[in-house]
N, C-alpha and C. Protein backbone atom coordinates (compact mmCIF):
# COMPACT_ATOMS: atom_id res chain seq x y z
N UNK A 1 0.78 -1.22 -0.10
CA UNK A 1 -0.06 -0.09 -0.13
C UNK A 1 0.82 1.14 -0.07
N UNK A 2 0.43 2.38 -0.46
CA UNK A 2 1.19 3.53 -0.59
C UNK A 2 1.33 4.06 0.75
N UNK A 3 2.61 4.76 1.00
CA UNK A 3 2.81 5.32 2.24
C UNK A 3 3.42 4.39 3.26
N UNK A 4 3.40 3.24 3.12
CA UNK A 4 4.20 2.31 3.90
C UNK A 4 5.59 2.03 3.44
N UNK A 5 6.44 1.82 4.32
CA UNK A 5 7.91 1.78 4.07
C UNK A 5 8.15 0.38 3.66
N UNK A 6 9.06 -0.11 2.87
CA UNK A 6 9.22 -1.42 2.48
C UNK A 6 9.89 -2.15 3.83
N UNK A 7 9.60 -3.53 3.80
CA UNK A 7 10.14 -4.27 4.99
C UNK A 7 11.60 -4.28 5.03
N UNK A 8 12.25 -4.10 6.21
CA UNK A 8 13.77 -4.10 6.41
C UNK A 8 14.18 -5.58 6.17
N UNK A 9 15.38 -5.52 5.50
CA UNK A 9 16.08 -6.82 5.31
C UNK A 9 16.63 -7.33 6.59
N UNK A 10 16.61 -8.61 6.89
CA UNK A 10 16.88 -9.23 8.08
C UNK A 10 18.53 -9.01 8.54
N UNK A 11 19.30 -8.74 7.51
CA UNK A 11 20.78 -8.52 7.67
C UNK A 11 21.06 -7.05 7.92
N UNK A 12 20.15 -6.26 7.84
CA UNK A 12 20.47 -4.88 7.93
C UNK A 12 20.17 -4.31 9.24
N UNK A 13 19.39 -5.03 10.25
CA UNK A 13 19.16 -4.57 11.46
C UNK A 13 20.36 -4.77 12.28
N UNK A 14 20.43 -4.04 13.26
CA UNK A 14 21.44 -3.92 14.18
C UNK A 14 21.05 -4.66 15.47
N UNK A 15 21.29 -6.15 15.68
CA UNK A 15 20.93 -6.77 16.86
C UNK A 15 22.10 -6.76 17.91
N UNK A 16 21.87 -7.00 19.04
CA UNK A 16 22.86 -7.10 20.21
C UNK A 16 23.96 -8.12 19.90
N UNK A 17 23.57 -9.20 19.01
CA UNK A 17 24.63 -10.17 18.64
C UNK A 17 25.64 -9.45 17.65
N UNK A 18 24.94 -8.95 16.63
CA UNK A 18 26.02 -8.19 15.80
C UNK A 18 26.94 -7.02 16.43
N UNK A 19 26.36 -6.36 17.40
CA UNK A 19 27.06 -5.37 18.33
C UNK A 19 28.20 -6.09 19.07
N UNK A 20 27.90 -7.26 19.61
CA UNK A 20 28.84 -7.89 20.32
C UNK A 20 29.87 -8.51 19.47
N UNK A 21 29.51 -8.97 18.19
CA UNK A 21 30.66 -9.24 17.40
C UNK A 21 31.53 -8.17 16.93
N UNK A 22 30.83 -7.15 16.61
CA UNK A 22 31.69 -6.04 16.20
C UNK A 22 32.63 -5.45 17.22
N UNK A 23 32.17 -5.37 18.54
CA UNK A 23 32.99 -4.92 19.53
C UNK A 23 34.24 -5.94 19.83
N UNK A 24 33.85 -7.31 19.70
CA UNK A 24 34.90 -8.21 19.85
C UNK A 24 36.04 -8.18 18.78
N UNK A 25 35.34 -7.92 17.54
CA UNK A 25 36.38 -7.75 16.22
C UNK A 25 37.24 -6.59 16.53
N UNK A 26 36.72 -5.52 17.06
CA UNK A 26 37.60 -4.26 17.47
C UNK A 26 38.57 -4.44 18.43
N UNK A 27 38.18 -5.12 19.41
CA UNK A 27 39.08 -5.53 20.46
C UNK A 27 40.27 -6.50 19.97
N UNK A 28 39.93 -7.46 19.08
CA UNK A 28 40.79 -8.41 18.67
C UNK A 28 41.82 -7.58 17.78
N UNK A 29 41.36 -6.71 17.04
CA UNK A 29 42.23 -5.91 16.05
C UNK A 29 43.18 -5.11 16.91
N UNK A 30 42.77 -4.50 18.02
CA UNK A 30 43.56 -3.73 18.84
C UNK A 30 44.72 -4.59 19.41
N UNK A 31 44.18 -5.66 19.95
CA UNK A 31 45.29 -6.70 20.64
C UNK A 31 46.32 -7.22 19.64
N UNK A 32 45.73 -7.52 18.44
CA UNK A 32 46.66 -8.10 17.41
C UNK A 32 47.75 -7.02 16.95
N UNK A 33 47.10 -5.83 16.83
CA UNK A 33 48.32 -4.78 16.52
C UNK A 33 49.35 -4.66 17.66
N UNK A 34 48.78 -4.52 18.79
CA UNK A 34 49.63 -4.26 19.94
C UNK A 34 50.68 -5.48 20.01
N UNK A 35 50.12 -6.74 20.00
CA UNK A 35 51.14 -7.78 20.17
C UNK A 35 52.12 -7.78 18.90
N UNK A 36 51.67 -7.51 17.72
CA UNK A 36 52.54 -7.44 16.52
C UNK A 36 53.72 -6.51 16.76
N UNK A 37 53.28 -5.24 17.11
CA UNK A 37 54.31 -4.17 17.47
C UNK A 37 55.23 -4.53 18.53
N UNK A 38 54.81 -4.88 19.57
CA UNK A 38 55.72 -5.12 20.70
C UNK A 38 56.48 -6.40 20.43
N UNK A 39 55.94 -7.46 19.66
CA UNK A 39 56.69 -8.71 19.41
C UNK A 39 57.80 -8.39 18.36
N UNK A 40 57.37 -7.60 17.38
CA UNK A 40 58.31 -7.15 16.35
C UNK A 40 59.57 -6.20 16.79
N UNK A 41 59.17 -5.52 17.89
CA UNK A 41 60.23 -4.58 18.28
C UNK A 41 61.25 -5.44 19.16
N UNK A 42 60.49 -6.27 19.93
CA UNK A 42 61.41 -7.21 20.73
C UNK A 42 62.40 -8.01 19.92
N UNK A 43 61.81 -8.77 18.91
CA UNK A 43 62.61 -9.65 18.00
C UNK A 43 63.66 -8.67 17.35
N UNK A 44 63.43 -7.60 16.84
CA UNK A 44 64.30 -6.90 16.14
C UNK A 44 65.54 -6.40 17.05
N UNK A 45 65.05 -6.12 18.31
CA UNK A 45 66.14 -5.51 19.38
C UNK A 45 66.88 -6.89 19.77
N UNK A 46 66.33 -8.10 19.86
CA UNK A 46 67.25 -9.28 20.12
C UNK A 46 68.32 -9.52 19.01
N UNK A 47 67.72 -9.46 17.88
CA UNK A 47 68.54 -9.92 16.62
C UNK A 47 69.62 -8.93 16.49
N UNK A 48 69.39 -7.57 16.80
CA UNK A 48 70.40 -6.73 16.57
C UNK A 48 71.46 -6.87 17.67
N UNK A 49 70.88 -6.99 18.88
CA UNK A 49 71.88 -7.13 20.10
C UNK A 49 72.69 -8.40 19.90
N UNK A 50 72.22 -9.36 19.41
CA UNK A 50 73.01 -10.69 19.21
C UNK A 50 73.88 -10.51 17.92
N UNK A 51 73.45 -9.63 17.03
CA UNK A 51 74.47 -9.31 15.88
C UNK A 51 75.58 -8.42 16.43
N UNK A 52 75.40 -7.33 17.25
CA UNK A 52 76.37 -6.45 17.67
C UNK A 52 77.05 -7.06 18.87
N UNK A 53 76.53 -7.76 19.71
CA UNK A 53 76.99 -8.05 21.01
C UNK A 53 78.25 -8.65 21.04
N UNK A 54 78.36 -9.96 20.82
CA UNK A 54 79.65 -10.82 20.91
C UNK A 54 80.23 -11.18 19.51
N UNK A 55 79.69 -10.72 18.45
CA UNK A 55 80.19 -11.31 17.16
C UNK A 55 81.13 -10.37 16.55
N UNK A 56 81.61 -9.28 17.12
CA UNK A 56 82.51 -8.34 16.56
C UNK A 56 83.74 -8.99 16.24
N UNK A 57 84.33 -9.60 17.14
CA UNK A 57 85.55 -10.24 16.76
C UNK A 57 85.42 -11.51 15.86
N UNK A 58 84.50 -12.16 15.87
CA UNK A 58 84.06 -13.35 14.87
C UNK A 58 83.98 -12.69 13.46
N UNK A 59 83.40 -11.72 13.25
CA UNK A 59 83.28 -10.94 11.94
C UNK A 59 84.67 -10.39 11.43
N UNK A 60 85.41 -9.82 12.45
CA UNK A 60 86.63 -9.28 12.17
C UNK A 60 87.70 -10.42 11.78
N UNK A 61 87.58 -11.47 12.55
CA UNK A 61 88.73 -12.75 12.33
C UNK A 61 88.42 -13.16 11.08
N UNK A 62 87.08 -13.38 10.74
CA UNK A 62 86.85 -14.10 9.42
C UNK A 62 87.08 -13.07 8.28
N UNK A 63 86.85 -11.81 8.51
CA UNK A 63 87.24 -10.90 7.22
C UNK A 63 88.66 -10.93 7.19
N UNK A 64 89.61 -10.86 8.19
CA UNK A 64 91.13 -10.77 8.11
C UNK A 64 91.48 -12.20 7.32
N UNK A 65 90.81 -13.37 7.62
CA UNK A 65 91.23 -14.57 7.06
C UNK A 65 90.66 -14.69 5.60
N UNK A 66 90.05 -13.76 5.13
CA UNK A 66 89.65 -13.89 3.66
C UNK A 66 88.14 -14.04 3.31
N UNK A 67 87.28 -14.19 4.33
CA UNK A 67 85.88 -14.51 3.99
C UNK A 67 85.31 -12.94 3.71
N UNK A 68 84.56 -13.11 2.59
CA UNK A 68 83.88 -11.83 2.12
C UNK A 68 82.84 -11.45 2.82
N UNK A 69 82.40 -10.13 3.09
CA UNK A 69 81.29 -9.71 3.72
C UNK A 69 79.93 -10.22 3.18
N UNK A 70 79.95 -10.55 1.85
CA UNK A 70 78.58 -11.35 1.41
C UNK A 70 78.55 -12.64 1.90
N UNK A 71 79.48 -13.35 2.02
CA UNK A 71 79.45 -14.77 2.57
C UNK A 71 78.97 -14.70 4.12
N UNK A 72 79.76 -14.00 4.75
CA UNK A 72 79.35 -13.56 6.17
C UNK A 72 77.99 -13.20 6.37
N UNK A 73 77.49 -12.26 5.47
CA UNK A 73 76.10 -11.87 5.54
C UNK A 73 75.20 -12.87 5.39
N UNK A 74 75.34 -13.87 4.37
CA UNK A 74 74.36 -15.00 4.17
C UNK A 74 74.43 -15.84 5.49
N UNK A 75 75.71 -15.98 5.98
CA UNK A 75 75.83 -17.01 7.16
C UNK A 75 74.93 -16.34 8.32
N UNK A 76 75.08 -15.09 8.53
CA UNK A 76 74.23 -14.55 9.59
C UNK A 76 72.69 -14.62 9.31
N UNK A 77 72.50 -14.29 7.94
CA UNK A 77 71.04 -14.49 7.64
C UNK A 77 70.48 -15.74 7.79
N UNK A 78 71.15 -16.92 7.32
CA UNK A 78 70.71 -18.18 7.69
C UNK A 78 70.65 -18.38 9.11
N UNK A 79 71.51 -18.03 9.84
CA UNK A 79 71.39 -18.27 11.31
C UNK A 79 70.14 -17.43 11.96
N UNK A 80 69.78 -16.52 11.37
CA UNK A 80 68.64 -15.80 11.88
C UNK A 80 67.46 -16.42 11.35
N UNK A 81 67.49 -16.96 10.10
CA UNK A 81 66.30 -17.88 9.74
C UNK A 81 66.08 -19.12 10.68
N UNK A 82 67.27 -19.56 11.07
CA UNK A 82 67.23 -20.79 11.88
C UNK A 82 66.59 -20.62 13.16
N UNK A 83 66.66 -19.25 13.70
CA UNK A 83 66.03 -18.95 14.98
C UNK A 83 64.46 -18.59 14.82
N UNK A 84 64.21 -17.81 13.68
CA UNK A 84 62.87 -17.32 13.66
C UNK A 84 61.86 -18.19 12.98
N UNK A 85 62.34 -18.92 11.92
CA UNK A 85 61.20 -19.58 11.22
C UNK A 85 60.64 -20.83 12.12
N UNK A 86 61.34 -21.56 12.91
CA UNK A 86 60.75 -22.48 13.92
C UNK A 86 59.73 -21.84 14.75
N UNK A 87 60.04 -20.63 15.41
CA UNK A 87 59.07 -19.91 16.13
C UNK A 87 57.93 -19.39 15.38
N UNK A 88 58.06 -18.98 13.94
CA UNK A 88 57.00 -18.70 13.23
C UNK A 88 56.05 -19.74 12.91
N UNK A 89 56.64 -21.01 12.74
CA UNK A 89 55.83 -22.42 12.47
C UNK A 89 55.07 -22.72 13.74
N UNK A 90 55.63 -22.50 14.83
CA UNK A 90 55.20 -22.86 16.19
C UNK A 90 53.91 -21.85 16.37
N UNK A 91 54.03 -20.65 15.98
CA UNK A 91 52.97 -19.66 16.15
C UNK A 91 51.86 -19.95 15.26
N UNK A 92 52.13 -20.50 14.04
CA UNK A 92 51.10 -20.71 13.04
C UNK A 92 50.27 -21.79 13.48
N UNK A 93 50.89 -22.79 13.96
CA UNK A 93 50.21 -24.04 14.66
C UNK A 93 49.34 -23.71 15.74
N UNK A 94 50.08 -23.06 16.54
CA UNK A 94 49.21 -22.56 17.79
C UNK A 94 47.92 -21.56 17.44
N UNK A 95 48.22 -20.72 16.53
CA UNK A 95 46.92 -19.95 16.09
C UNK A 95 46.05 -20.75 15.32
N UNK A 96 46.54 -21.79 14.57
CA UNK A 96 45.37 -22.52 13.79
C UNK A 96 44.61 -23.49 14.83
N UNK A 97 45.33 -23.87 15.81
CA UNK A 97 44.45 -24.68 16.93
C UNK A 97 43.52 -23.78 17.87
N UNK A 98 44.09 -22.49 18.13
CA UNK A 98 43.49 -21.77 19.11
C UNK A 98 42.39 -20.64 18.64
N UNK A 99 42.54 -20.20 17.28
CA UNK A 99 41.76 -19.14 16.79
C UNK A 99 40.40 -19.29 16.87
N UNK A 100 39.87 -20.53 16.43
CA UNK A 100 38.40 -20.62 16.51
C UNK A 100 37.90 -20.81 18.01
N UNK A 101 38.49 -21.45 18.90
CA UNK A 101 37.93 -21.62 20.33
C UNK A 101 38.02 -20.19 20.95
N UNK A 102 39.12 -19.39 20.82
CA UNK A 102 39.13 -18.21 21.50
C UNK A 102 38.18 -17.14 20.85
N UNK A 103 38.17 -17.18 19.44
CA UNK A 103 37.25 -16.26 18.88
C UNK A 103 35.71 -16.58 19.31
N UNK A 104 35.35 -17.76 19.38
CA UNK A 104 33.99 -18.23 19.89
C UNK A 104 33.79 -17.72 21.26
N UNK A 105 34.88 -17.84 22.18
CA UNK A 105 34.65 -17.41 23.58
C UNK A 105 34.47 -15.82 23.47
N UNK A 106 35.35 -15.27 22.78
CA UNK A 106 35.05 -13.79 22.72
C UNK A 106 33.84 -13.30 22.21
N UNK A 107 33.19 -14.13 21.29
CA UNK A 107 32.03 -13.75 20.63
C UNK A 107 30.74 -14.22 21.47
N UNK A 108 31.04 -14.51 22.52
CA UNK A 108 29.84 -14.96 23.39
C UNK A 108 29.14 -16.15 23.00
N UNK A 109 29.93 -17.15 22.46
CA UNK A 109 29.31 -18.47 22.06
C UNK A 109 28.80 -18.65 20.77
N UNK A 110 29.04 -17.53 19.77
CA UNK A 110 28.64 -17.43 18.53
C UNK A 110 29.74 -17.97 17.65
N UNK A 111 29.41 -18.68 16.66
CA UNK A 111 30.40 -19.38 15.73
C UNK A 111 31.14 -18.25 14.94
N UNK A 112 32.46 -18.45 14.94
CA UNK A 112 33.29 -17.57 14.27
C UNK A 112 34.03 -18.07 13.11
N UNK A 113 33.77 -17.64 11.98
CA UNK A 113 34.41 -18.13 10.71
C UNK A 113 35.84 -17.57 10.47
N UNK A 114 36.79 -18.45 10.25
CA UNK A 114 38.21 -18.13 10.03
C UNK A 114 38.20 -18.19 8.39
N UNK A 115 38.54 -17.00 7.87
CA UNK A 115 38.51 -16.98 6.30
C UNK A 115 40.04 -17.32 5.96
N UNK A 116 40.02 -17.75 4.63
CA UNK A 116 41.41 -17.95 3.97
C UNK A 116 42.06 -16.60 3.93
N UNK A 117 41.41 -15.64 3.75
CA UNK A 117 42.30 -14.34 3.48
C UNK A 117 42.87 -13.94 4.96
N UNK A 118 42.34 -14.19 6.19
CA UNK A 118 43.05 -13.86 7.24
C UNK A 118 44.05 -14.87 7.46
N UNK A 119 43.96 -16.03 7.05
CA UNK A 119 45.05 -17.08 7.27
C UNK A 119 46.18 -16.69 6.35
N UNK A 120 45.94 -16.40 5.11
CA UNK A 120 47.04 -15.92 4.41
C UNK A 120 47.67 -14.68 4.75
N UNK A 121 46.94 -13.72 5.44
CA UNK A 121 47.60 -12.44 5.73
C UNK A 121 48.63 -12.90 7.07
N UNK A 122 48.13 -13.76 7.93
CA UNK A 122 49.07 -14.24 8.96
C UNK A 122 50.41 -14.85 8.41
N UNK A 123 50.23 -15.78 7.38
CA UNK A 123 51.29 -16.42 6.72
C UNK A 123 52.25 -15.39 6.26
N UNK A 124 51.75 -14.51 5.31
CA UNK A 124 52.63 -13.63 4.64
C UNK A 124 53.39 -12.46 5.71
N UNK A 125 52.50 -12.10 6.65
CA UNK A 125 53.06 -11.24 7.72
C UNK A 125 54.34 -11.90 8.39
N UNK A 126 54.10 -13.08 8.84
CA UNK A 126 55.26 -13.99 9.49
C UNK A 126 56.41 -14.09 8.61
N UNK A 127 56.20 -14.49 7.35
CA UNK A 127 57.39 -14.63 6.52
C UNK A 127 57.99 -13.22 6.31
N UNK A 128 57.33 -12.15 6.08
CA UNK A 128 57.78 -10.80 5.89
C UNK A 128 58.64 -10.43 7.18
N UNK A 129 58.25 -10.95 8.34
CA UNK A 129 58.99 -10.62 9.55
C UNK A 129 60.23 -11.33 9.49
N UNK A 130 60.26 -12.60 9.21
CA UNK A 130 61.47 -13.41 9.22
C UNK A 130 62.39 -12.86 8.27
N UNK A 131 62.03 -12.57 7.14
CA UNK A 131 62.80 -12.08 6.03
C UNK A 131 63.33 -10.60 6.42
N UNK A 132 62.51 -9.84 7.14
CA UNK A 132 62.99 -8.48 7.62
C UNK A 132 64.27 -8.74 8.64
N UNK A 133 64.04 -9.61 9.52
CA UNK A 133 65.18 -9.88 10.53
C UNK A 133 66.30 -10.42 9.84
N UNK A 134 66.22 -11.40 8.79
CA UNK A 134 67.27 -11.71 8.11
C UNK A 134 68.16 -10.76 7.45
N UNK A 135 67.36 -9.77 6.80
CA UNK A 135 67.97 -8.69 6.09
C UNK A 135 68.63 -7.71 7.04
N UNK A 136 68.27 -7.49 8.43
CA UNK A 136 68.91 -6.77 9.33
C UNK A 136 70.24 -7.51 9.63
N UNK A 137 70.12 -8.79 9.84
CA UNK A 137 71.39 -9.41 10.18
C UNK A 137 72.43 -9.27 9.06
N UNK A 138 72.02 -9.37 7.74
CA UNK A 138 72.83 -9.37 6.65
C UNK A 138 73.44 -7.94 6.58
N UNK A 139 72.60 -7.08 6.76
CA UNK A 139 73.26 -5.51 6.66
C UNK A 139 74.23 -5.17 7.85
N UNK A 140 73.90 -5.80 8.90
CA UNK A 140 74.93 -5.65 10.08
C UNK A 140 76.36 -5.97 9.69
N UNK A 141 76.40 -7.20 8.92
CA UNK A 141 77.83 -7.59 8.49
C UNK A 141 78.23 -6.68 7.29
N UNK A 142 77.38 -6.33 6.40
CA UNK A 142 77.73 -5.50 5.29
C UNK A 142 78.38 -4.17 5.68
N UNK A 143 77.73 -3.61 7.02
CA UNK A 143 78.16 -2.27 7.50
C UNK A 143 79.30 -2.37 8.46
N UNK A 144 79.91 -3.63 8.66
CA UNK A 144 80.89 -3.68 9.47
C UNK A 144 82.16 -3.10 9.04
N UNK A 145 82.90 -2.25 9.82
CA UNK A 145 84.07 -1.46 9.77
C UNK A 145 85.27 -2.34 10.13
N UNK A 146 86.15 -2.74 9.47
CA UNK A 146 87.21 -3.41 9.88
C UNK A 146 88.11 -2.67 10.76
N UNK A 147 88.17 -1.35 10.56
CA UNK A 147 89.07 -0.58 11.42
C UNK A 147 88.62 -0.51 12.84
N UNK A 148 87.33 -0.91 13.17
CA UNK A 148 87.00 -0.84 14.62
C UNK A 148 87.47 -2.09 15.34
N UNK A 149 88.19 -2.87 14.79
CA UNK A 149 88.95 -4.09 15.42
C UNK A 149 90.10 -3.58 16.12
N UNK A 150 90.76 -2.63 15.53
CA UNK A 150 92.13 -2.06 16.06
C UNK A 150 91.91 -0.84 16.96
N UNK A 151 90.63 -0.41 17.25
CA UNK A 151 90.41 0.65 18.21
C UNK A 151 90.58 0.13 19.52
N UNK A 152 90.78 1.08 20.41
CA UNK A 152 90.93 0.73 22.02
C UNK A 152 89.67 0.41 22.48
N UNK A 153 89.76 -0.59 23.37
CA UNK A 153 88.54 -0.99 23.93
C UNK A 153 88.68 -0.50 25.57
N UNK A 154 87.52 -0.28 26.08
CA UNK A 154 87.62 0.03 27.59
C UNK A 154 87.15 -1.23 28.44
N UNK A 155 88.10 -2.02 28.62
CA UNK A 155 87.56 -3.30 29.33
C UNK A 155 88.18 -3.22 30.77
N UNK A 156 87.30 -3.71 31.68
CA UNK A 156 87.79 -3.87 33.00
C UNK A 156 88.39 -5.07 33.34
N UNK A 157 89.55 -4.97 33.96
CA UNK A 157 90.41 -6.33 34.24
C UNK A 157 90.27 -6.41 35.76
N UNK A 158 90.28 -7.42 36.33
CA UNK A 158 90.27 -7.55 37.64
C UNK A 158 91.72 -7.98 38.15
C-alpha cells in the first residue's frame, strides 16, 4: 500500500549479537596490532643485540682470514632464519588450533568463521617478519668496519 515503508532486510538490522561481534572484532584488532608491534620490536632488538653483542671479533677474524662480507652476511642471515622460522611455524600451528575456540569465546558463544584471507595474511606477515630480521642481520655484516677491530676498548680487568 502507498505510504508504507518496505520491510527491512534481516541482515540490515542492528541486533545485540552483531554489536557484540563488532566490539569483539574491534578488541581483537587492537590486541593483534599491539602484540605485533611489541613482538616485532622485541625480536628486532634481540637480533640486533645478538649481531652486535659478541660477534664483532668473529666477523673481524673471518674478514681478516679472507671471508667476504657477502658470505658472512649470508651466514648471519641463515642463522637468523634458523632462529625465527621455527618460532613462526609454532605460532602458526598454535594460532590454527586456538583461533576458533578463542574467537568463539570472545563472541559470546557465536560461531566465528576463520577466512582464508586472514590465514594468508598471517602467513605472509610472518614470512615478511622473518625476512626483515634476516635482512637486518645481513646488513649488520655489510656495514661492519674492519678498522673498529683495532680501536682501543675500555675493558675492566680484575
